[in-house]
């Protein structure tokens, strides 16, 4: 990784902070990893529940892990919006506690519109999907090649 590259997130587990399970009430959720706009018709009751595998982890962080999308607090969403981050939409998401009761209603899925081939595969320690080898299943940390990111998106 050179000084122009940057790490967006890590898959490291942080004790105490909630981990969420896949959503309820969202049709065609696979589109969220394909650069497809979902804002029109987005369900007002879209929610993810805290994962029962982590019953003591209930703190709500600014970036929530557990699903394959970037889920952020209203505070992070406001920061991104103030920076005028291009080509993204913010999809409202509720977080339910382990019992299915509302824990937070002010979270968002950051849904990038379009796709850019800019992942540094080696530095990200990518594991390719066994069913569709064109898709990434897991990466230890997402590292981007700065030279591959269009200037209007950086």
N, C-alpha and C. Protein backbone atom coordinates (compact mmCIF):
# COMPACT_ATOMS: atom_id res chain seq x y z
N UNK A 1 0.85 -1.17 0.00
CA UNK A 1 0.00 0.00 0.00
C UNK A 1 0.89 1.24 0.00
N UNK A 2 0.67 2.16 -0.96
CA UNK A 2 1.47 3.38 -0.96
C UNK A 2 0.73 4.50 -0.23
N UNK A 3 1.35 5.67 -0.13
CA UNK A 3 0.76 6.76 0.65
C UNK A 3 -0.48 7.37 -0.01
N UNK A 4 -0.76 7.01 -1.27
CA UNK A 4 -1.95 7.48 -1.96
C UNK A 4 -3.15 6.56 -1.70
N UNK A 5 -2.90 5.31 -1.34
CA UNK A 5 -3.98 4.37 -1.09
C UNK A 5 -4.57 4.63 0.29
N UNK A 6 -5.77 4.11 0.51
CA UNK A 6 -6.38 4.29 1.81
C UNK A 6 -7.25 3.10 2.15
N UNK A 7 -7.43 2.87 3.43
CA UNK A 7 -8.25 1.76 3.91
C UNK A 7 -9.59 2.32 4.33
N UNK A 8 -10.68 1.75 3.80
CA UNK A 8 -12.01 2.22 4.15
C UNK A 8 -12.52 1.60 5.43
N UNK A 9 -12.30 0.30 5.59
CA UNK A 9 -12.69 -0.34 6.83
C UNK A 9 -11.93 -1.64 7.00
N UNK A 10 -12.05 -2.16 8.18
CA UNK A 10 -11.43 -3.44 8.49
C UNK A 10 -12.51 -4.39 8.98
N UNK A 11 -12.29 -5.66 8.84
CA UNK A 11 -13.27 -6.65 9.30
C UNK A 11 -13.05 -7.03 10.76
N UNK A 12 -12.23 -6.29 11.47
CA UNK A 12 -11.92 -6.62 12.87
C UNK A 12 -13.17 -6.51 13.74
N UNK A 13 -13.35 -7.47 14.62
CA UNK A 13 -14.46 -7.48 15.57
C UNK A 13 -14.11 -6.59 16.75
N UNK A 14 -15.05 -5.75 17.15
CA UNK A 14 -14.85 -4.87 18.30
C UNK A 14 -15.85 -5.23 19.39
N UNK A 15 -15.35 -5.76 20.49
CA UNK A 15 -16.20 -6.20 21.59
C UNK A 15 -17.11 -5.08 22.07
N UNK A 16 -18.36 -5.41 22.30
CA UNK A 16 -19.33 -4.46 22.85
C UNK A 16 -20.19 -3.78 21.81
N UNK A 17 -19.67 -3.62 20.60
CA UNK A 17 -20.43 -2.95 19.55
C UNK A 17 -21.29 -3.96 18.80
N UNK A 18 -22.53 -3.58 18.54
CA UNK A 18 -23.45 -4.51 17.92
C UNK A 18 -22.99 -4.95 16.53
N UNK A 19 -23.36 -6.16 16.21
CA UNK A 19 -23.17 -6.74 14.89
C UNK A 19 -24.58 -7.02 14.40
N UNK A 20 -24.89 -6.65 13.16
CA UNK A 20 -26.25 -6.84 12.68
C UNK A 20 -26.34 -7.99 11.69
N UNK A 21 -27.53 -8.56 11.62
CA UNK A 21 -27.82 -9.64 10.68
C UNK A 21 -28.45 -9.03 9.42
N UNK A 22 -28.53 -9.80 8.37
CA UNK A 22 -29.17 -9.30 7.15
C UNK A 22 -30.57 -8.75 7.42
N UNK A 23 -30.96 -7.89 6.57
CA UNK A 23 -32.15 -7.07 6.68
C UNK A 23 -33.46 -7.84 6.65
N UNK A 24 -34.50 -7.12 7.06
CA UNK A 24 -35.87 -7.57 6.84
C UNK A 24 -36.57 -6.47 6.07
N UNK A 25 -37.50 -6.83 5.23
CA UNK A 25 -38.30 -5.86 4.50
C UNK A 25 -37.62 -5.22 3.31
N UNK A 26 -36.54 -5.79 2.80
CA UNK A 26 -35.85 -5.22 1.65
C UNK A 26 -35.83 -6.26 0.52
N UNK A 27 -36.59 -5.99 -0.53
CA UNK A 27 -36.59 -6.88 -1.69
C UNK A 27 -35.34 -6.61 -2.53
N UNK A 28 -34.86 -7.64 -3.20
CA UNK A 28 -33.71 -7.54 -4.10
C UNK A 28 -32.51 -6.87 -3.43
N UNK A 29 -32.21 -7.26 -2.21
CA UNK A 29 -31.11 -6.65 -1.47
C UNK A 29 -29.76 -6.86 -2.14
N UNK A 30 -29.66 -7.87 -3.00
CA UNK A 30 -28.41 -8.10 -3.71
C UNK A 30 -28.00 -6.90 -4.56
N UNK A 31 -28.98 -6.08 -4.96
CA UNK A 31 -28.68 -4.91 -5.78
C UNK A 31 -27.81 -3.89 -5.05
N UNK A 32 -27.80 -3.95 -3.72
CA UNK A 32 -27.00 -3.00 -2.93
C UNK A 32 -25.50 -3.22 -3.11
N UNK A 33 -25.11 -4.35 -3.63
CA UNK A 33 -23.69 -4.60 -3.87
C UNK A 33 -23.37 -4.53 -5.36
N UNK A 34 -24.29 -4.00 -6.14
CA UNK A 34 -24.10 -3.95 -7.58
C UNK A 34 -24.14 -2.54 -8.17
N UNK A 35 -24.19 -1.52 -7.34
CA UNK A 35 -24.16 -0.15 -7.83
C UNK A 35 -25.49 0.32 -8.41
N UNK A 36 -26.58 -0.33 -8.01
CA UNK A 36 -27.91 -0.01 -8.53
C UNK A 36 -28.63 0.90 -7.54
N UNK A 37 -29.23 1.98 -8.05
CA UNK A 37 -29.98 2.89 -7.19
C UNK A 37 -31.19 2.18 -6.59
N UNK A 38 -31.43 2.41 -5.31
CA UNK A 38 -32.56 1.81 -4.62
C UNK A 38 -33.43 2.85 -3.92
N UNK A 39 -33.10 4.13 -4.08
CA UNK A 39 -33.81 5.17 -3.33
C UNK A 39 -35.30 5.19 -3.65
N UNK A 40 -35.66 5.09 -4.93
CA UNK A 40 -37.08 5.08 -5.30
C UNK A 40 -37.71 3.78 -4.82
N UNK A 41 -38.75 3.90 -4.04
CA UNK A 41 -39.45 2.73 -3.52
C UNK A 41 -38.79 2.09 -2.31
N UNK A 42 -37.78 2.74 -1.73
CA UNK A 42 -37.10 2.18 -0.57
C UNK A 42 -38.11 2.06 0.58
N UNK A 43 -38.22 0.91 1.23
CA UNK A 43 -39.22 0.73 2.30
C UNK A 43 -38.90 1.56 3.54
N UNK A 44 -39.90 2.19 4.08
CA UNK A 44 -39.70 3.02 5.26
C UNK A 44 -39.41 2.19 6.51
N UNK A 45 -39.73 0.90 6.45
CA UNK A 45 -39.51 0.04 7.62
C UNK A 45 -38.31 -0.90 7.46
N UNK A 46 -37.41 -0.58 6.54
CA UNK A 46 -36.23 -1.42 6.35
C UNK A 46 -35.46 -1.50 7.67
N UNK A 47 -35.07 -2.70 8.05
CA UNK A 47 -34.43 -2.88 9.35
C UNK A 47 -33.46 -4.05 9.33
N UNK A 48 -32.47 -3.96 10.20
CA UNK A 48 -31.55 -5.07 10.47
C UNK A 48 -31.58 -5.31 11.97
N UNK A 49 -31.55 -6.58 12.34
CA UNK A 49 -31.59 -6.96 13.76
C UNK A 49 -30.19 -7.27 14.24
N UNK A 50 -29.94 -6.96 15.51
CA UNK A 50 -28.66 -7.33 16.12
C UNK A 50 -28.52 -8.84 16.10
N UNK A 51 -27.33 -9.30 15.83
CA UNK A 51 -27.05 -10.73 15.67
C UNK A 51 -27.05 -11.43 17.02
N UNK A 52 -27.88 -12.47 17.14
CA UNK A 52 -27.98 -13.24 18.38
C UNK A 52 -26.69 -13.95 18.75
N UNK A 53 -25.77 -14.09 17.80
CA UNK A 53 -24.47 -14.71 18.10
C UNK A 53 -23.60 -13.82 18.97
N UNK A 54 -24.00 -12.55 19.10
CA UNK A 54 -23.25 -11.57 19.90
C UNK A 54 -24.23 -10.92 20.88
N UNK A 55 -24.77 -11.68 21.82
CA UNK A 55 -25.86 -11.18 22.67
C UNK A 55 -25.50 -10.05 23.61
N UNK A 56 -24.24 -9.90 23.95
CA UNK A 56 -23.83 -8.83 24.87
C UNK A 56 -23.36 -7.58 24.14
N UNK A 57 -23.28 -7.66 22.83
CA UNK A 57 -22.80 -6.52 22.03
C UNK A 57 -23.99 -5.69 21.59
N UNK A 58 -24.23 -4.58 22.30
CA UNK A 58 -25.41 -3.77 22.05
C UNK A 58 -25.11 -2.29 21.78
N UNK A 59 -23.86 -1.88 21.98
CA UNK A 59 -23.52 -0.47 21.73
C UNK A 59 -23.66 -0.18 20.23
N UNK A 60 -24.13 0.99 19.92
CA UNK A 60 -24.35 1.39 18.53
C UNK A 60 -23.20 2.27 18.06
N UNK A 61 -22.33 1.75 17.20
CA UNK A 61 -21.19 2.53 16.71
C UNK A 61 -21.60 3.40 15.53
N UNK A 62 -20.67 4.22 15.07
CA UNK A 62 -20.93 5.05 13.89
C UNK A 62 -20.91 4.24 12.59
N UNK A 63 -20.17 3.12 12.59
CA UNK A 63 -20.15 2.21 11.45
C UNK A 63 -20.45 0.82 11.98
N UNK A 64 -21.55 0.23 11.49
CA UNK A 64 -22.02 -1.05 12.00
C UNK A 64 -21.58 -2.17 11.07
N UNK A 65 -21.13 -3.28 11.64
CA UNK A 65 -20.69 -4.42 10.84
C UNK A 65 -21.72 -5.55 10.89
N UNK A 66 -21.53 -6.51 10.00
CA UNK A 66 -22.35 -7.71 10.04
C UNK A 66 -23.05 -8.00 8.72
N UNK A 67 -23.29 -7.00 7.93
CA UNK A 67 -23.88 -7.19 6.60
C UNK A 67 -22.87 -6.70 5.58
N UNK A 68 -23.07 -6.97 4.35
CA UNK A 68 -22.09 -6.62 3.33
C UNK A 68 -22.15 -5.19 2.83
N UNK A 69 -22.82 -4.32 3.53
CA UNK A 69 -22.94 -2.93 3.09
C UNK A 69 -22.33 -2.01 4.14
N UNK A 70 -22.10 -0.77 3.73
CA UNK A 70 -21.63 0.24 4.66
C UNK A 70 -22.86 0.83 5.36
N UNK A 71 -23.01 0.52 6.64
CA UNK A 71 -24.13 1.01 7.45
C UNK A 71 -23.55 2.01 8.44
N UNK A 72 -24.09 3.24 8.41
CA UNK A 72 -23.52 4.32 9.21
C UNK A 72 -24.59 5.05 10.00
N UNK A 73 -24.14 5.72 11.06
CA UNK A 73 -25.02 6.53 11.89
C UNK A 73 -25.39 7.81 11.16
N UNK A 74 -26.38 8.51 11.70
CA UNK A 74 -26.79 9.80 11.13
C UNK A 74 -25.63 10.79 11.16
N UNK A 75 -24.77 10.67 12.17
CA UNK A 75 -23.62 11.57 12.28
C UNK A 75 -22.66 11.39 11.11
N UNK A 76 -22.37 10.14 10.75
CA UNK A 76 -21.48 9.88 9.61
C UNK A 76 -22.17 10.27 8.31
N UNK A 77 -23.46 9.97 8.21
CA UNK A 77 -24.20 10.33 7.00
C UNK A 77 -24.18 11.84 6.79
N UNK A 78 -24.36 12.61 7.85
CA UNK A 78 -24.32 14.07 7.75
C UNK A 78 -22.95 14.55 7.31
N UNK A 79 -21.91 13.93 7.84
CA UNK A 79 -20.55 14.29 7.43
C UNK A 79 -20.35 14.02 5.95
N UNK A 80 -20.72 12.84 5.49
CA UNK A 80 -20.57 12.50 4.07
C UNK A 80 -21.37 13.45 3.19
N UNK A 81 -22.60 13.76 3.61
CA UNK A 81 -23.43 14.69 2.84
C UNK A 81 -22.80 16.08 2.80
N UNK A 82 -22.23 16.52 3.92
CA UNK A 82 -21.60 17.86 3.95
C UNK A 82 -20.37 17.93 3.07
N UNK A 83 -19.71 16.78 2.89
CA UNK A 83 -18.55 16.71 2.01
C UNK A 83 -18.94 16.54 0.54
N UNK A 84 -20.25 16.45 0.31
CA UNK A 84 -20.80 16.29 -1.04
C UNK A 84 -20.19 15.08 -1.76
N UNK A 85 -20.14 13.95 -1.04
CA UNK A 85 -19.64 12.71 -1.63
C UNK A 85 -20.50 12.39 -2.84
N UNK A 86 -19.86 12.19 -3.98
CA UNK A 86 -20.58 11.99 -5.24
C UNK A 86 -21.04 10.55 -5.41
N UNK A 87 -22.09 10.40 -6.17
CA UNK A 87 -22.58 9.09 -6.63
C UNK A 87 -22.90 8.11 -5.51
N UNK A 88 -23.52 8.61 -4.45
CA UNK A 88 -24.01 7.72 -3.39
C UNK A 88 -25.41 8.17 -3.00
N UNK A 89 -26.17 7.24 -2.48
CA UNK A 89 -27.46 7.57 -1.89
C UNK A 89 -27.49 6.99 -0.48
N UNK A 90 -28.28 7.61 0.37
CA UNK A 90 -28.36 7.21 1.76
C UNK A 90 -29.74 6.62 2.01
N UNK A 91 -29.77 5.33 2.29
CA UNK A 91 -31.02 4.60 2.45
C UNK A 91 -31.30 4.41 3.94
N UNK A 92 -32.40 4.98 4.45
CA UNK A 92 -32.70 4.87 5.88
C UNK A 92 -32.81 3.42 6.33
N UNK A 93 -32.28 3.16 7.53
CA UNK A 93 -32.27 1.81 8.08
C UNK A 93 -32.47 1.87 9.58
N UNK A 94 -33.40 1.07 10.06
CA UNK A 94 -33.60 0.93 11.49
C UNK A 94 -32.75 -0.23 11.99
N UNK A 95 -32.34 -0.13 13.25
CA UNK A 95 -31.62 -1.24 13.87
C UNK A 95 -32.47 -1.74 15.03
N UNK A 96 -32.72 -3.04 15.01
CA UNK A 96 -33.52 -3.68 16.04
C UNK A 96 -32.60 -4.39 17.01
N UNK A 97 -32.97 -4.39 18.28
CA UNK A 97 -32.15 -5.08 19.27
C UNK A 97 -32.36 -6.60 19.15
N UNK A 98 -31.75 -7.35 20.04
CA UNK A 98 -31.81 -8.81 19.98
C UNK A 98 -33.22 -9.35 20.15
N UNK A 99 -34.09 -8.57 20.79
CA UNK A 99 -35.48 -8.99 20.98
C UNK A 99 -36.40 -8.49 19.87
N UNK A 100 -35.83 -7.80 18.89
CA UNK A 100 -36.63 -7.30 17.77
C UNK A 100 -37.26 -5.94 18.01
N UNK A 101 -36.90 -5.29 19.10
CA UNK A 101 -37.43 -3.95 19.40
C UNK A 101 -36.49 -2.90 18.83
N UNK A 102 -37.05 -1.75 18.50
CA UNK A 102 -36.28 -0.67 17.88
C UNK A 102 -35.17 -0.19 18.81
N UNK A 103 -33.93 -0.25 18.33
CA UNK A 103 -32.78 0.26 19.07
C UNK A 103 -32.36 1.62 18.52
N UNK A 104 -32.51 1.80 17.21
CA UNK A 104 -32.15 3.07 16.57
C UNK A 104 -32.88 3.18 15.24
N UNK A 105 -33.32 4.39 14.92
CA UNK A 105 -33.99 4.60 13.63
C UNK A 105 -33.20 5.55 12.73
N UNK A 106 -32.04 5.97 13.19
CA UNK A 106 -31.27 7.00 12.48
C UNK A 106 -29.96 6.46 11.90
N UNK A 107 -30.05 5.32 11.21
CA UNK A 107 -28.90 4.74 10.51
C UNK A 107 -29.20 4.71 9.02
N UNK A 108 -28.15 4.55 8.23
CA UNK A 108 -28.29 4.58 6.78
C UNK A 108 -27.37 3.55 6.14
N UNK A 109 -27.84 2.99 5.05
CA UNK A 109 -26.97 2.22 4.17
C UNK A 109 -26.41 3.23 3.17
N UNK A 110 -25.09 3.31 3.07
CA UNK A 110 -24.46 4.16 2.06
C UNK A 110 -24.37 3.30 0.80
N UNK A 111 -25.18 3.65 -0.19
CA UNK A 111 -25.27 2.85 -1.41
C UNK A 111 -24.58 3.59 -2.56
N UNK A 112 -23.37 3.17 -2.92
CA UNK A 112 -22.68 3.80 -4.06
C UNK A 112 -23.40 3.44 -5.36
N UNK A 113 -23.60 4.43 -6.19
CA UNK A 113 -24.26 4.22 -7.48
C UNK A 113 -23.18 4.05 -8.54
N UNK A 114 -23.26 2.96 -9.29
CA UNK A 114 -22.24 2.65 -10.29
C UNK A 114 -21.12 1.84 -9.65
N UNK A 115 -20.20 1.40 -10.47
CA UNK A 115 -19.07 0.60 -9.99
C UNK A 115 -17.78 1.10 -10.61
N UNK A 116 -16.70 1.04 -9.84
CA UNK A 116 -15.37 1.41 -10.30
C UNK A 116 -14.43 0.28 -9.90
N UNK A 117 -13.68 -0.24 -10.86
CA UNK A 117 -12.73 -1.32 -10.59
C UNK A 117 -11.46 -0.71 -10.00
N UNK A 118 -11.41 -0.61 -8.66
CA UNK A 118 -10.29 0.06 -8.03
C UNK A 118 -9.78 -0.66 -6.78
N UNK A 119 -10.26 -1.86 -6.53
CA UNK A 119 -9.83 -2.61 -5.35
C UNK A 119 -8.41 -3.13 -5.55
N UNK A 120 -7.56 -2.88 -4.57
CA UNK A 120 -6.22 -3.47 -4.57
C UNK A 120 -6.40 -4.88 -4.00
N UNK A 121 -6.52 -5.84 -4.91
CA UNK A 121 -6.86 -7.22 -4.54
C UNK A 121 -5.84 -7.82 -3.58
N UNK A 122 -4.57 -7.64 -3.84
CA UNK A 122 -3.53 -8.22 -2.99
C UNK A 122 -3.54 -7.59 -1.59
N UNK A 123 -3.56 -6.27 -1.52
CA UNK A 123 -3.52 -5.59 -0.23
C UNK A 123 -4.81 -5.83 0.57
N UNK A 124 -5.92 -6.04 -0.12
CA UNK A 124 -7.20 -6.28 0.55
C UNK A 124 -7.35 -7.71 1.03
N UNK A 125 -6.45 -8.60 0.57
CA UNK A 125 -6.53 -10.02 0.92
C UNK A 125 -7.90 -10.58 0.57
N UNK A 126 -8.23 -10.46 -0.70
CA UNK A 126 -9.53 -10.85 -1.23
C UNK A 126 -9.71 -12.36 -1.26
N UNK A 127 -10.92 -12.80 -0.93
CA UNK A 127 -11.37 -14.18 -1.15
C UNK A 127 -12.49 -14.09 -2.18
N UNK A 128 -12.29 -14.78 -3.29
CA UNK A 128 -13.27 -14.73 -4.38
C UNK A 128 -14.44 -15.66 -4.10
N UNK A 129 -15.60 -15.29 -4.59
CA UNK A 129 -16.81 -16.08 -4.45
C UNK A 129 -16.67 -17.39 -5.22
N UNK A 130 -16.98 -18.50 -4.59
CA UNK A 130 -16.82 -19.80 -5.25
C UNK A 130 -17.91 -20.07 -6.29
N UNK A 131 -19.06 -19.47 -6.15
CA UNK A 131 -20.15 -19.66 -7.11
C UNK A 131 -19.97 -18.74 -8.31
N UNK A 132 -19.67 -17.47 -8.05
CA UNK A 132 -19.44 -16.51 -9.13
C UNK A 132 -18.05 -15.90 -8.92
N UNK A 133 -17.03 -16.43 -9.61
CA UNK A 133 -15.65 -15.99 -9.36
C UNK A 133 -15.36 -14.54 -9.77
N UNK A 134 -16.34 -13.83 -10.30
CA UNK A 134 -16.15 -12.40 -10.61
C UNK A 134 -16.48 -11.54 -9.40
N UNK A 135 -17.05 -12.13 -8.36
CA UNK A 135 -17.46 -11.39 -7.17
C UNK A 135 -16.54 -11.68 -5.99
N UNK A 136 -16.31 -10.66 -5.20
CA UNK A 136 -15.54 -10.80 -3.96
C UNK A 136 -16.48 -11.25 -2.86
N UNK A 137 -16.12 -12.30 -2.15
CA UNK A 137 -16.92 -12.75 -1.00
C UNK A 137 -16.48 -12.07 0.27
N UNK A 138 -15.16 -11.99 0.48
CA UNK A 138 -14.62 -11.45 1.72
C UNK A 138 -13.31 -10.75 1.42
N UNK A 139 -13.02 -9.71 2.19
CA UNK A 139 -11.69 -9.13 2.16
C UNK A 139 -11.33 -8.74 3.59
N UNK A 140 -10.08 -8.92 3.95
CA UNK A 140 -9.63 -8.63 5.31
C UNK A 140 -9.78 -7.15 5.61
N UNK A 141 -9.43 -6.31 4.67
CA UNK A 141 -9.64 -4.87 4.76
C UNK A 141 -9.71 -4.35 3.33
N UNK A 142 -10.60 -3.41 3.11
CA UNK A 142 -10.78 -2.90 1.76
C UNK A 142 -9.76 -1.80 1.49
N UNK A 143 -8.87 -2.06 0.54
CA UNK A 143 -7.85 -1.10 0.15
C UNK A 143 -8.06 -0.76 -1.31
N UNK A 144 -8.10 0.52 -1.63
CA UNK A 144 -8.33 0.97 -3.00
C UNK A 144 -7.05 1.47 -3.64
N UNK A 145 -6.96 1.29 -4.96
CA UNK A 145 -5.85 1.86 -5.73
C UNK A 145 -6.25 3.30 -6.09
N UNK A 146 -5.57 4.26 -5.51
CA UNK A 146 -5.91 5.67 -5.71
C UNK A 146 -5.86 6.06 -7.17
N UNK A 147 -4.92 5.49 -7.93
CA UNK A 147 -4.79 5.84 -9.34
C UNK A 147 -5.95 5.35 -10.19
N UNK A 148 -6.78 4.45 -9.67
CA UNK A 148 -7.91 3.91 -10.43
C UNK A 148 -9.23 4.62 -10.10
N UNK A 149 -9.24 5.49 -9.10
CA UNK A 149 -10.45 6.19 -8.71
C UNK A 149 -10.57 7.48 -9.54
N UNK A 150 -11.68 7.62 -10.30
CA UNK A 150 -11.86 8.84 -11.09
C UNK A 150 -11.81 10.09 -10.21
N UNK A 151 -11.26 11.16 -10.71
CA UNK A 151 -11.08 12.39 -9.93
C UNK A 151 -12.40 12.94 -9.40
N UNK A 152 -13.50 12.77 -10.14
CA UNK A 152 -14.78 13.32 -9.67
C UNK A 152 -15.38 12.49 -8.54
N UNK A 153 -14.78 11.34 -8.24
CA UNK A 153 -15.25 10.52 -7.13
C UNK A 153 -14.31 10.54 -5.94
N UNK A 154 -13.13 11.13 -6.08
CA UNK A 154 -12.16 11.10 -4.98
C UNK A 154 -12.29 12.32 -4.10
